[in-house]
Amino acid sequence: MIQIIPVVLIAPAFMRGDMEFGVITQSAAAFAMLVGAFSFIVAQFNSISNFATVVARISSLLEAIEDARSAADTHIERSEVEGVFAYEGLTLTSPTGELLLKDLSVRVPPGTRVIVTGKDDAAGIALFRATVGLGTPGSGRVVTPPRQLVRFLGQRTYSGPGTLRQILAPPKPSAETTDAQLLALLKSVGLARDLTPSDLDSEQDWSALLSPREQQLLALASALAAAPSYIVLEKADAIFGHELLAEILNLLAERRIACLNFAEPGAPRSAYDAVLEYGADGSWSWIDRRE
């Protein structure tokens, strides 16, 4: 019905002979273009709102990280050395000054699967934060490979709108990744879902479509696509369950990717090559289970 508005407005002038019939058709066409331009925002409202939500969440995350770094009185040094993942003389305390970990000095060999656990979960949380680079009171040094060779998977991940190809494609691929390789990667982490190559370019809101565990698996697939040397996991046993986690650890071993899982207290250790255990008094021990 809206298309007749220009006709109704111009018809009296046409009836008086003030304009030709062609002016009516031109006015109708111009009006249709104007309506289309104004309706663009309405038609794209969902996409625009999703984009705004993603930007707001990223902004909040960056602010939270910056606040955490500035709030903590930390003297922990960080350096990047290819092929090296180590803690050197690392001492961590709580915000109130309580000793959590004392003089941790450990080097994680390439390809090693390590479980980080202990009775005092506060020490594990502090060590994970120090490893990731969040502000943590303490001193010492954390050495990791260059940023592109290490991936961190927290206890919660967010999968925003986009395509699977956008999520899985590494930032700087060394070689072109084929559709078959991407589908095989999804299948290897249990996310095949009878996908076809065309599904890789389907735009979806994955946070609504996937369960929290499936979002974690998608984040893991994205990390594997980047072919890192080390992957750091937080509470992976609680997220994936022991059976699925054992399969994931085997997958990492096949790809020769070292892994540190900051696990729940009392988590099974049989699937790991080494154990980094911390005590309630700040003590720690390194157990190489391959010896």
C-alpha atoms as a PDB file:
ATOM      1  CA  MET A   1       0.000   0.000   0.000  1.00  0.00           C
ATOM      2  CA  ILE A   2       2.892   2.371   0.680  1.00  0.00           C
ATOM      3  CA  GLN A   3       3.734   2.433  -3.038  1.00  0.00           C
ATOM      4  CA  ILE A   4       0.557   4.412  -3.853  1.00  0.00           C
ATOM      5  CA  ILE A   5       1.543   7.376  -1.660  1.00  0.00           C
ATOM      6  CA  PRO A   6       3.455   9.255  -4.414  1.00  0.00           C
ATOM      7  CA  VAL A   7       0.610   8.561  -6.873  1.00  0.00           C
ATOM      8  CA  VAL A   8      -1.962  10.012  -4.456  1.00  0.00           C
ATOM      9  CA  LEU A   9       0.170  13.105  -3.880  1.00  0.00           C
ATOM     10  CA  ILE A  10       0.880  13.800  -7.550  1.00  0.00           C
ATOM     11  CA  ALA A  11      -2.483  12.746  -9.049  1.00  0.00           C
ATOM     12  CA  PRO A  12      -4.216  16.141  -8.508  1.00  0.00           C
ATOM     13  CA  ALA A  13      -1.455  17.956 -10.410  1.00  0.00           C
ATOM     14  CA  PHE A  14      -1.657  15.376 -13.210  1.00  0.00           C
ATOM     15  CA  MET A  15      -5.450  15.785 -13.422  1.00  0.00           C
ATOM     16  CA  ARG A  16      -5.021  19.559 -13.769  1.00  0.00           C
ATOM     17  CA  GLY A  17      -2.521  18.985 -16.567  1.00  0.00           C
ATOM     18  CA  ASP A  18       0.365  20.539 -14.656  1.00  0.00           C
ATOM     19  CA  MET A  19       2.627  17.507 -15.285  1.00  0.00           C
ATOM     20  CA  GLU A  20       2.942  14.545 -17.616  1.00  0.00           C
ATOM     21  CA  PHE A  21       2.247  10.904 -16.756  1.00  0.00           C
ATOM     22  CA  GLY A  22       5.960  10.059 -16.836  1.00  0.00           C
ATOM     23  CA  VAL A  23       6.501  12.270 -13.796  1.00  0.00           C
ATOM     24  CA  ILE A  24       4.229   9.971 -11.799  1.00  0.00           C
ATOM     25  CA  THR A  25       6.300   6.882 -12.648  1.00  0.00           C
ATOM     26  CA  GLN A  26       9.528   8.753 -11.913  1.00  0.00           C
ATOM     27  CA  SER A  27       8.164   9.886  -8.549  1.00  0.00           C
ATOM     28  CA  ALA A  28       7.050   6.350  -7.708  1.00  0.00           C
ATOM     29  CA  ALA A  29      10.501   4.978  -8.562  1.00  0.00           C
ATOM     30  CA  ALA A  30      12.261   7.664  -6.512  1.00  0.00           C
ATOM     31  CA  PHE A  31       9.937   7.038  -3.584  1.00  0.00           C
ATOM     32  CA  ALA A  32      10.615   3.276  -3.753  1.00  0.00           C
ATOM     33  CA  MET A  33      14.379   3.920  -3.628  1.00  0.00           C
ATOM     34  CA  LEU A  34      13.919   6.244  -0.649  1.00  0.00           C
ATOM     35  CA  VAL A  35      11.822   3.670   1.210  1.00  0.00           C
ATOM     36  CA  GLY A  36      14.453   1.004   0.497  1.00  0.00           C
ATOM     37  CA  ALA A  37      17.212   3.226   1.874  1.00  0.00           C
ATOM     38  CA  PHE A  38      15.325   3.932   5.103  1.00  0.00           C
ATOM     39  CA  SER A  39      14.290   0.285   5.540  1.00  0.00           C
ATOM     40  CA  PHE A  40      17.920  -0.915   5.387  1.00  0.00           C
ATOM     41  CA  ILE A  41      18.436  -0.247   9.090  1.00  0.00           C
ATOM     42  CA  VAL A  42      15.245  -2.137   9.951  1.00  0.00           C
ATOM     43  CA  ALA A  43      16.174  -5.080   7.711  1.00  0.00           C
ATOM     44  CA  GLN A  44      19.686  -5.300   9.192  1.00  0.00           C
ATOM     45  CA  PHE A  45      18.637  -4.626  12.773  1.00  0.00           C
ATOM     46  CA  ASN A  46      19.543  -8.127  14.029  1.00  0.00           C
ATOM     47  CA  SER A  47      23.002  -8.027  12.445  1.00  0.00           C
ATOM     48  CA  ILE A  48      23.668  -4.517  13.772  1.00  0.00           C
ATOM     49  CA  SER A  49      22.512  -5.433  17.291  1.00  0.00           C
ATOM     50  CA  ASN A  50      24.673  -8.589  17.268  1.00  0.00           C
ATOM     51  CA  PHE A  51      27.676  -6.549  16.159  1.00  0.00           C
ATOM     52  CA  ALA A  52      27.030  -3.974  18.880  1.00  0.00           C
ATOM     53  CA  THR A  53      26.808  -6.758  21.482  1.00  0.00           C
ATOM     54  CA  VAL A  54      30.126  -8.259  20.385  1.00  0.00           C
ATOM     55  CA  VAL A  55      31.847  -4.853  20.460  1.00  0.00           C
ATOM     56  CA  ALA A  56      30.439  -4.138  23.931  1.00  0.00           C
ATOM     57  CA  ARG A  57      31.644  -7.487  25.276  1.00  0.00           C
ATOM     58  CA  ILE A  58      35.105  -7.072  23.803  1.00  0.00           C
ATOM     59  CA  SER A  59      35.305  -3.554  25.241  1.00  0.00           C
ATOM     60  CA  SER A  60      34.248  -4.837  28.676  1.00  0.00           C
ATOM     61  CA  LEU A  61      36.808  -7.642  28.468  1.00  0.00           C
ATOM     62  CA  LEU A  62      39.636  -5.254  27.568  1.00  0.00           C
ATOM     63  CA  GLU A  63      38.646  -2.913  30.399  1.00  0.00           C
ATOM     64  CA  ALA A  64      38.509  -5.809  32.882  1.00  0.00           C
ATOM     65  CA  ILE A  65      41.955  -7.029  31.813  1.00  0.00           C
ATOM     66  CA  GLU A  66      43.394  -3.529  32.125  1.00  0.00           C
ATOM     67  CA  ASP A  67      41.780  -3.052  35.555  1.00  0.00           C
ATOM     68  CA  ALA A  68      43.117  -6.416  36.735  1.00  0.00           C
ATOM     69  CA  ARG A  69      46.624  -5.536  35.611  1.00  0.00           C
ATOM     70  CA  SER A  70      46.605  -2.126  37.256  1.00  0.00           C
ATOM     71  CA  ALA A  71      44.925  -3.284  40.472  1.00  0.00           C
ATOM     72  CA  ALA A  72      47.472  -5.970  41.318  1.00  0.00           C
ATOM     73  CA  ASP A  73      50.861  -5.103  42.772  1.00  0.00           C
ATOM     74  CA  THR A  74      52.871  -7.478  40.614  1.00  0.00           C
ATOM     75  CA  HIS A  75      56.564  -7.673  39.902  1.00  0.00           C
ATOM     76  CA  ILE A  76      56.334 -10.712  37.658  1.00  0.00           C
ATOM     77  CA  GLU A  77      58.430 -10.438  34.514  1.00  0.00           C
ATOM     78  CA  ARG A  78      57.278 -11.929  31.224  1.00  0.00           C
ATOM     79  CA  SER A  79      59.381 -12.861  28.231  1.00  0.00           C
ATOM     80  CA  GLU A  80      58.874 -14.746  24.985  1.00  0.00           C
ATOM     81  CA  VAL A  81      61.367 -17.371  23.849  1.00  0.00           C
ATOM     82  CA  GLU A  82      60.559 -19.785  21.044  1.00  0.00           C
ATOM     83  CA  GLY A  83      60.293 -23.377  22.235  1.00  0.00           C
ATOM     84  CA  VAL A  84      60.453 -22.479  25.938  1.00  0.00           C
ATOM     85  CA  PHE A  85      57.674 -22.605  28.531  1.00  0.00           C
ATOM     86  CA  ALA A  86      59.025 -22.098  32.027  1.00  0.00           C
ATOM     87  CA  TYR A  87      58.527 -20.581  35.453  1.00  0.00           C
ATOM     88  CA  GLU A  88      61.675 -19.099  36.990  1.00  0.00           C
ATOM     89  CA  GLY A  89      61.731 -18.262  40.694  1.00  0.00           C
ATOM     90  CA  LEU A  90      57.993 -17.535  40.630  1.00  0.00           C
ATOM     91  CA  THR A  91      56.432 -16.578  43.958  1.00  0.00           C
ATOM     92  CA  LEU A  92      52.726 -15.753  44.181  1.00  0.00           C
ATOM     93  CA  THR A  93      50.694 -14.195  46.977  1.00  0.00           C
ATOM     94  CA  SER A  94      47.038 -13.414  47.513  1.00  0.00           C
ATOM     95  CA  PRO A  95      45.787  -9.786  47.421  1.00  0.00           C
ATOM     96  CA  THR A  96      45.950  -9.854  51.242  1.00  0.00           C
ATOM     97  CA  GLY A  97      49.602 -10.969  51.213  1.00  0.00           C
ATOM     98  CA  GLU A  98      49.106 -14.671  51.990  1.00  0.00           C
ATOM     99  CA  LEU A  99      51.772 -16.913  50.415  1.00  0.00           C
ATOM    100  CA  LEU A 100      50.294 -19.151  47.702  1.00  0.00           C
ATOM    101  CA  LEU A 101      53.333 -20.437  45.815  1.00  0.00           C
ATOM    102  CA  LYS A 102      57.025 -20.075  46.646  1.00  0.00           C
ATOM    103  CA  ASP A 103      59.972 -20.012  44.252  1.00  0.00           C
ATOM    104  CA  LEU A 104      58.462 -22.152  41.482  1.00  0.00           C
ATOM    105  CA  SER A 105      61.135 -23.069  38.938  1.00  0.00           C
ATOM    106  CA  VAL A 106      59.973 -25.524  36.286  1.00  0.00           C
ATOM    107  CA  ARG A 107      60.514 -25.929  32.563  1.00  0.00           C
ATOM    108  CA  VAL A 108      57.792 -27.713  30.558  1.00  0.00           C
ATOM    109  CA  PRO A 109      59.389 -29.752  27.747  1.00  0.00           C
ATOM    110  CA  PRO A 110      57.815 -29.514  24.255  1.00  0.00           C
ATOM    111  CA  GLY A 111      55.079 -32.074  23.653  1.00  0.00           C
ATOM    112  CA  THR A 112      54.542 -32.750  27.371  1.00  0.00           C
ATOM    113  CA  ARG A 113      51.031 -33.116  28.804  1.00  0.00           C
ATOM    114  CA  VAL A 114      51.014 -31.602  32.297  1.00  0.00           C
ATOM    115  CA  ILE A 115      48.311 -31.509  34.946  1.00  0.00           C
ATOM    116  CA  VAL A 116      48.591 -28.615  37.404  1.00  0.00           C
ATOM    117  CA  THR A 117      46.714 -29.448  40.576  1.00  0.00           C
ATOM    118  CA  GLY A 118      46.737 -29.330  44.360  1.00  0.00           C
ATOM    119  CA  LYS A 119      44.589 -29.078  47.461  1.00  0.00           C
ATOM    120  CA  ASP A 120      44.582 -25.266  47.625  1.00  0.00           C
ATOM    121  CA  ASP A 121      42.723 -24.121  44.517  1.00  0.00           C
ATOM    122  CA  ALA A 122      43.639 -20.484  45.222  1.00  0.00           C
ATOM    123  CA  ALA A 123      47.249 -21.243  44.279  1.00  0.00           C
ATOM    124  CA  GLY A 124      46.140 -22.866  41.017  1.00  0.00           C
ATOM    125  CA  ILE A 125      43.960 -19.893  40.098  1.00  0.00           C
ATOM    126  CA  ALA A 126      46.787 -17.460  40.852  1.00  0.00           C
ATOM    127  CA  LEU A 127      49.252 -19.512  38.794  1.00  0.00           C
ATOM    128  CA  PHE A 128      46.848 -19.648  35.856  1.00  0.00           C
ATOM    129  CA  ARG A 129      46.370 -15.868  35.996  1.00  0.00           C
ATOM    130  CA  ALA A 130      50.127 -15.327  36.123  1.00  0.00           C
ATOM    131  CA  THR A 131      50.586 -17.705  33.182  1.00  0.00           C
ATOM    132  CA  VAL A 132      47.970 -15.925  31.088  1.00  0.00           C
ATOM    133  CA  GLY A 133      49.394 -12.522  31.966  1.00  0.00           C
ATOM    134  CA  LEU A 134      46.648 -11.168  34.207  1.00  0.00           C
ATOM    135  CA  GLY A 135      47.757  -9.021  37.095  1.00  0.00           C
ATOM    136  CA  THR A 136      48.771 -11.285  39.996  1.00  0.00           C
ATOM    137  CA  PRO A 137      50.696 -10.210  43.113  1.00  0.00           C
ATOM    138  CA  GLY A 138      54.102 -11.829  43.192  1.00  0.00           C
ATOM    139  CA  SER A 139      57.587 -11.895  41.752  1.00  0.00           C
ATOM    140  CA  GLY A 140      59.705 -14.002  39.436  1.00  0.00           C
ATOM    141  CA  ARG A 141      59.540 -14.698  35.739  1.00  0.00           C
ATOM    142  CA  VAL A 142      57.183 -16.444  33.309  1.00  0.00           C
ATOM    143  CA  VAL A 143      58.666 -17.508  29.971  1.00  0.00           C
ATOM    144  CA  THR A 144      56.368 -18.541  27.122  1.00  0.00           C
ATOM    145  CA  PRO A 145      56.748 -19.050  23.375  1.00  0.00           C
ATOM    146  CA  PRO A 146      55.810 -16.123  21.093  1.00  0.00           C
ATOM    147  CA  ARG A 147      52.138 -15.204  21.222  1.00  0.00           C
ATOM    148  CA  GLN A 148      51.288 -16.984  17.956  1.00  0.00           C
ATOM    149  CA  LEU A 149      52.697 -20.276  19.283  1.00  0.00           C
ATOM    150  CA  VAL A 150      50.721 -20.505  22.526  1.00  0.00           C
ATOM    151  CA  ARG A 151      46.955 -20.607  23.077  1.00  0.00           C
ATOM    152  CA  PHE A 152      44.988 -20.082  26.303  1.00  0.00           C
ATOM    153  CA  LEU A 153      41.527 -21.602  26.795  1.00  0.00           C
ATOM    154  CA  GLY A 154      39.767 -20.308  29.888  1.00  0.00           C
ATOM    155  CA  GLN A 155      36.918 -21.962  31.724  1.00  0.00           C
ATOM    156  CA  ARG A 156      34.432 -19.907  29.728  1.00  0.00           C
ATOM    157  CA  THR A 157      34.637 -18.994  26.077  1.00  0.00           C
ATOM    158  CA  TYR A 158      32.422 -16.824  23.907  1.00  0.00           C
ATOM    159  CA  SER A 159      31.530 -17.737  20.343  1.00  0.00           C
ATOM    160  CA  GLY A 160      30.008 -14.723  18.622  1.00  0.00           C
ATOM    161  CA  PRO A 161      28.181 -14.458  15.299  1.00  0.00           C
ATOM    162  CA  GLY A 162      30.146 -15.468  12.222  1.00  0.00           C
ATOM    163  CA  THR A 163      31.012 -18.443  10.055  1.00  0.00           C
ATOM    164  CA  LEU A 164      32.943 -21.551  11.016  1.00  0.00           C
ATOM    165  CA  ARG A 165      35.583 -20.617   8.472  1.00  0.00           C
ATOM    166  CA  GLN A 166      36.115 -17.244  10.174  1.00  0.00           C
ATOM    167  CA  ILE A 167      36.422 -18.914  13.584  1.00  0.00           C
ATOM    168  CA  LEU A 168      38.742 -21.710  12.465  1.00  0.00           C
ATOM    169  CA  ALA A 169      40.966 -19.887   9.986  1.00  0.00           C
ATOM    170  CA  PRO A 170      44.332 -19.118  11.636  1.00  0.00           C
ATOM    171  CA  PRO A 171      45.297 -15.406  11.690  1.00  0.00           C
ATOM    172  CA  LYS A 172      48.375 -15.941   9.493  1.00  0.00           C
ATOM    173  CA  PRO A 173      48.092 -19.346   7.820  1.00  0.00           C
ATOM    174  CA  SER A 174      51.369 -20.768   6.548  1.00  0.00           C
ATOM    175  CA  ALA A 175      49.489 -22.587   3.798  1.00  0.00           C
ATOM    176  CA  GLU A 176      45.967 -22.528   2.446  1.00  0.00           C
ATOM    177  CA  THR A 177      43.665 -24.648   4.594  1.00  0.00           C
ATOM    178  CA  THR A 178      41.238 -26.786   2.598  1.00  0.00           C
ATOM    179  CA  ASP A 179      37.591 -27.377   3.450  1.00  0.00           C
ATOM    180  CA  ALA A 180      38.346 -31.057   4.018  1.00  0.00           C
ATOM    181  CA  GLN A 181      41.000 -30.152   6.599  1.00  0.00           C
ATOM    182  CA  LEU A 182      38.622 -27.840   8.463  1.00  0.00           C
ATOM    183  CA  LEU A 183      35.871 -30.477   8.526  1.00  0.00           C
ATOM    184  CA  ALA A 184      38.366 -33.107   9.686  1.00  0.00           C
ATOM    185  CA  LEU A 185      39.484 -30.758  12.464  1.00  0.00           C
ATOM    186  CA  LEU A 186      35.901 -30.296  13.669  1.00  0.00           C
ATOM    187  CA  LYS A 187      35.363 -34.052  13.544  1.00  0.00           C
ATOM    188  CA  SER A 188      38.527 -34.681  15.551  1.00  0.00           C
ATOM    189  CA  VAL A 189      37.110 -32.694  18.492  1.00  0.00           C
ATOM    190  CA  GLY A 190      33.635 -34.215  18.168  1.00  0.00           C
ATOM    191  CA  LEU A 191      31.863 -31.383  16.336  1.00  0.00           C
ATOM    192  CA  ALA A 192      31.210 -33.013  12.940  1.00  0.00           C
ATOM    193  CA  ARG A 193      27.384 -32.835  13.062  1.00  0.00           C
ATOM    194  CA  ASP A 194      27.214 -34.112   9.445  1.00  0.00           C
ATOM    195  CA  LEU A 195      28.690 -30.842   8.194  1.00  0.00           C
ATOM    196  CA  THR A 196      29.342 -30.160   4.513  1.00  0.00           C
ATOM    197  CA  PRO A 197      31.752 -27.623   2.950  1.00  0.00           C
ATOM    198  CA  SER A 198      28.854 -25.200   2.416  1.00  0.00           C
ATOM    199  CA  ASP A 199      28.202 -25.165   6.178  1.00  0.00           C
ATOM    200  CA  LEU A 200      31.620 -23.576   6.742  1.00  0.00           C
ATOM    201  CA  ASP A 201      30.346 -20.300   5.262  1.00  0.00           C
ATOM    202  CA  SER A 202      26.956 -20.297   6.983  1.00  0.00           C
ATOM    203  CA  GLU A 203      26.516 -17.248   9.226  1.00  0.00           C
ATOM    204  CA  GLN A 204      25.298 -18.303  12.685  1.00  0.00           C
ATOM    205  CA  ASP A 205      25.109 -16.998  16.232  1.00  0.00           C
ATOM    206  CA  TRP A 206      27.157 -19.818  17.760  1.00  0.00           C
ATOM    207  CA  SER A 207      26.625 -18.640  21.336  1.00  0.00           C
ATOM    208  CA  ALA A 208      22.909 -19.407  20.907  1.00  0.00           C
ATOM    209  CA  LEU A 209      23.284 -22.485  18.699  1.00  0.00           C
ATOM    210  CA  LEU A 210      25.950 -24.384  20.664  1.00  0.00           C
ATOM    211  CA  SER A 211      25.994 -25.576  24.260  1.00  0.00           C
ATOM    212  CA  PRO A 212      28.753 -24.244  26.560  1.00  0.00           C
ATOM    213  CA  ARG A 213      30.739 -27.467  26.137  1.00  0.00           C
ATOM    214  CA  GLU A 214      30.375 -27.336  22.347  1.00  0.00           C
ATOM    215  CA  GLN A 215      31.569 -23.731  22.384  1.00  0.00           C
ATOM    216  CA  GLN A 216      34.643 -24.897  24.305  1.00  0.00           C
ATOM    217  CA  LEU A 217      35.231 -27.613  21.692  1.00  0.00           C
ATOM    218  CA  LEU A 218      34.918 -25.016  18.930  1.00  0.00           C
ATOM    219  CA  ALA A 219      37.463 -22.821  20.735  1.00  0.00           C
ATOM    220  CA  LEU A 220      39.746 -25.852  21.006  1.00  0.00           C
ATOM    221  CA  ALA A 221      39.385 -26.531  17.269  1.00  0.00           C
ATOM    222  CA  SER A 222      40.259 -22.890  16.578  1.00  0.00           C
ATOM    223  CA  ALA A 223      43.351 -23.219  18.780  1.00  0.00           C
ATOM    224  CA  LEU A 224      44.417 -26.416  17.002  1.00  0.00           C
ATOM    225  CA  ALA A 225      43.977 -24.725  13.616  1.00  0.00           C
ATOM    226  CA  ALA A 226      46.640 -22.206  14.641  1.00  0.00           C
ATOM    227  CA  ALA A 227      49.124 -25.093  15.182  1.00  0.00           C
ATOM    228  CA  PRO A 228      50.571 -23.777  18.471  1.00  0.00           C
ATOM    229  CA  SER A 229      53.441 -25.331  20.409  1.00  0.00           C
ATOM    230  CA  TYR A 230      51.611 -25.073  23.753  1.00  0.00           C
ATOM    231  CA  ILE A 231      47.961 -24.975  24.839  1.00  0.00           C
ATOM    232  CA  VAL A 232      46.978 -23.891  28.360  1.00  0.00           C
ATOM    233  CA  LEU A 233      43.595 -25.146  29.631  1.00  0.00           C
ATOM    234  CA  GLU A 234      41.599 -24.118  32.691  1.00  0.00           C
ATOM    235  CA  LYS A 235      39.456 -26.768  34.437  1.00  0.00           C
ATOM    236  CA  ALA A 236      39.272 -28.836  31.243  1.00  0.00           C
ATOM    237  CA  ASP A 237      38.349 -31.949  33.225  1.00  0.00           C
ATOM    238  CA  ALA A 238      35.246 -30.228  34.618  1.00  0.00           C
ATOM    239  CA  ILE A 239      34.238 -28.888  31.193  1.00  0.00           C
ATOM    240  CA  PHE A 240      34.790 -31.926  28.970  1.00  0.00           C
ATOM    241  CA  GLY A 241      34.588 -34.827  31.408  1.00  0.00           C
ATOM    242  CA  HIS A 242      37.378 -37.334  31.963  1.00  0.00           C
ATOM    243  CA  GLU A 243      36.692 -39.562  28.927  1.00  0.00           C
ATOM    244  CA  LEU A 244      36.500 -36.757  26.364  1.00  0.00           C
ATOM    245  CA  LEU A 245      39.478 -34.994  27.939  1.00  0.00           C
ATOM    246  CA  ALA A 246      41.543 -38.179  27.583  1.00  0.00           C
ATOM    247  CA  GLU A 247      40.719 -38.206  23.847  1.00  0.00           C
ATOM    248  CA  ILE A 248      41.683 -34.524  23.588  1.00  0.00           C
ATOM    249  CA  LEU A 249      45.006 -35.178  25.329  1.00  0.00           C
ATOM    250  CA  ASN A 250      45.719 -38.027  22.904  1.00  0.00           C
ATOM    251  CA  LEU A 251      44.885 -35.689  20.011  1.00  0.00           C
ATOM    252  CA  LEU A 252      47.346 -33.109  21.348  1.00  0.00           C
ATOM    253  CA  ALA A 253      50.002 -35.806  21.707  1.00  0.00           C
ATOM    254  CA  GLU A 254      49.474 -36.874  18.085  1.00  0.00           C
ATOM    255  CA  ARG A 255      49.990 -33.270  16.982  1.00  0.00           C
ATOM    256  CA  ARG A 256      52.993 -32.890  19.326  1.00  0.00           C
ATOM    257  CA  ILE A 257      51.375 -29.982  21.152  1.00  0.00           C
ATOM    258  CA  ALA A 258      52.323 -29.527  24.799  1.00  0.00           C
ATOM    259  CA  CYS A 259      49.450 -28.976  27.199  1.00  0.00           C
ATOM    260  CA  LEU A 260      49.034 -27.586  30.714  1.00  0.00           C
ATOM    261  CA  ASN A 261      45.665 -28.277  32.313  1.00  0.00           C
ATOM    262  CA  PHE A 262      44.976 -26.313  35.501  1.00  0.00           C
ATOM    263  CA  ALA A 263      42.666 -29.003  36.825  1.00  0.00           C
ATOM    264  CA  GLU A 264      40.191 -29.402  39.650  1.00  0.00           C
ATOM    265  CA  PRO A 265      41.641 -30.732  42.923  1.00  0.00           C
ATOM    266  CA  GLY A 266      41.598 -34.524  42.863  1.00  0.00           C
ATOM    267  CA  ALA A 267      41.385 -34.818  39.062  1.00  0.00           C
ATOM    268  CA  PRO A 268      42.726 -38.102  37.553  1.00  0.00           C
ATOM    269  CA  ARG A 269      46.383 -37.966  36.509  1.00  0.00           C
ATOM    270  CA  SER A 270      46.799 -41.135  34.444  1.00  0.00           C
ATOM    271  CA  ALA A 271      46.519 -39.414  31.035  1.00  0.00           C
ATOM    272  CA  TYR A 272      49.361 -36.952  31.707  1.00  0.00           C
ATOM    273  CA  ASP A 273      53.118 -37.116  31.256  1.00  0.00           C
ATOM    274  CA  ALA A 274      53.903 -34.941  34.278  1.00  0.00           C
ATOM    275  CA  VAL A 275      52.278 -33.485  37.385  1.00  0.00           C
ATOM    276  CA  LEU A 276      52.908 -30.023  38.817  1.00  0.00           C
ATOM    277  CA  GLU A 277      51.457 -30.190  42.321  1.00  0.00           C
ATOM    278  CA  TYR A 278      51.236 -27.270  44.739  1.00  0.00           C
ATOM    279  CA  GLY A 279      50.735 -27.468  48.494  1.00  0.00           C
ATOM    280  CA  ALA A 280      48.797 -25.360  50.969  1.00  0.00           C
ATOM    281  CA  ASP A 281      52.012 -23.898  52.423  1.00  0.00           C
ATOM    282  CA  GLY A 282      53.340 -22.571  49.095  1.00  0.00           C
ATOM    283  CA  SER A 283      55.416 -25.661  48.378  1.00  0.00           C
ATOM    284  CA  TRP A 284      55.350 -27.448  45.038  1.00  0.00           C
ATOM    285  CA  SER A 285      56.624 -30.590  43.354  1.00  0.00           C
ATOM    286  CA  TRP A 286      57.250 -31.705  39.761  1.00  0.00           C
ATOM    287  CA  ILE A 287      56.605 -35.385  39.035  1.00  0.00           C
ATOM    288  CA  ASP A 288      57.699 -36.766  35.669  1.00  0.00           C
ATOM    289  CA  ARG A 289      55.488 -39.823  35.124  1.00  0.00           C
ATOM    290  CA  ARG A 290      57.456 -40.978  32.074  1.00  0.00           C
ATOM    291  CA  GLU A 291      60.532 -41.913  34.092  1.00  0.00           C
END
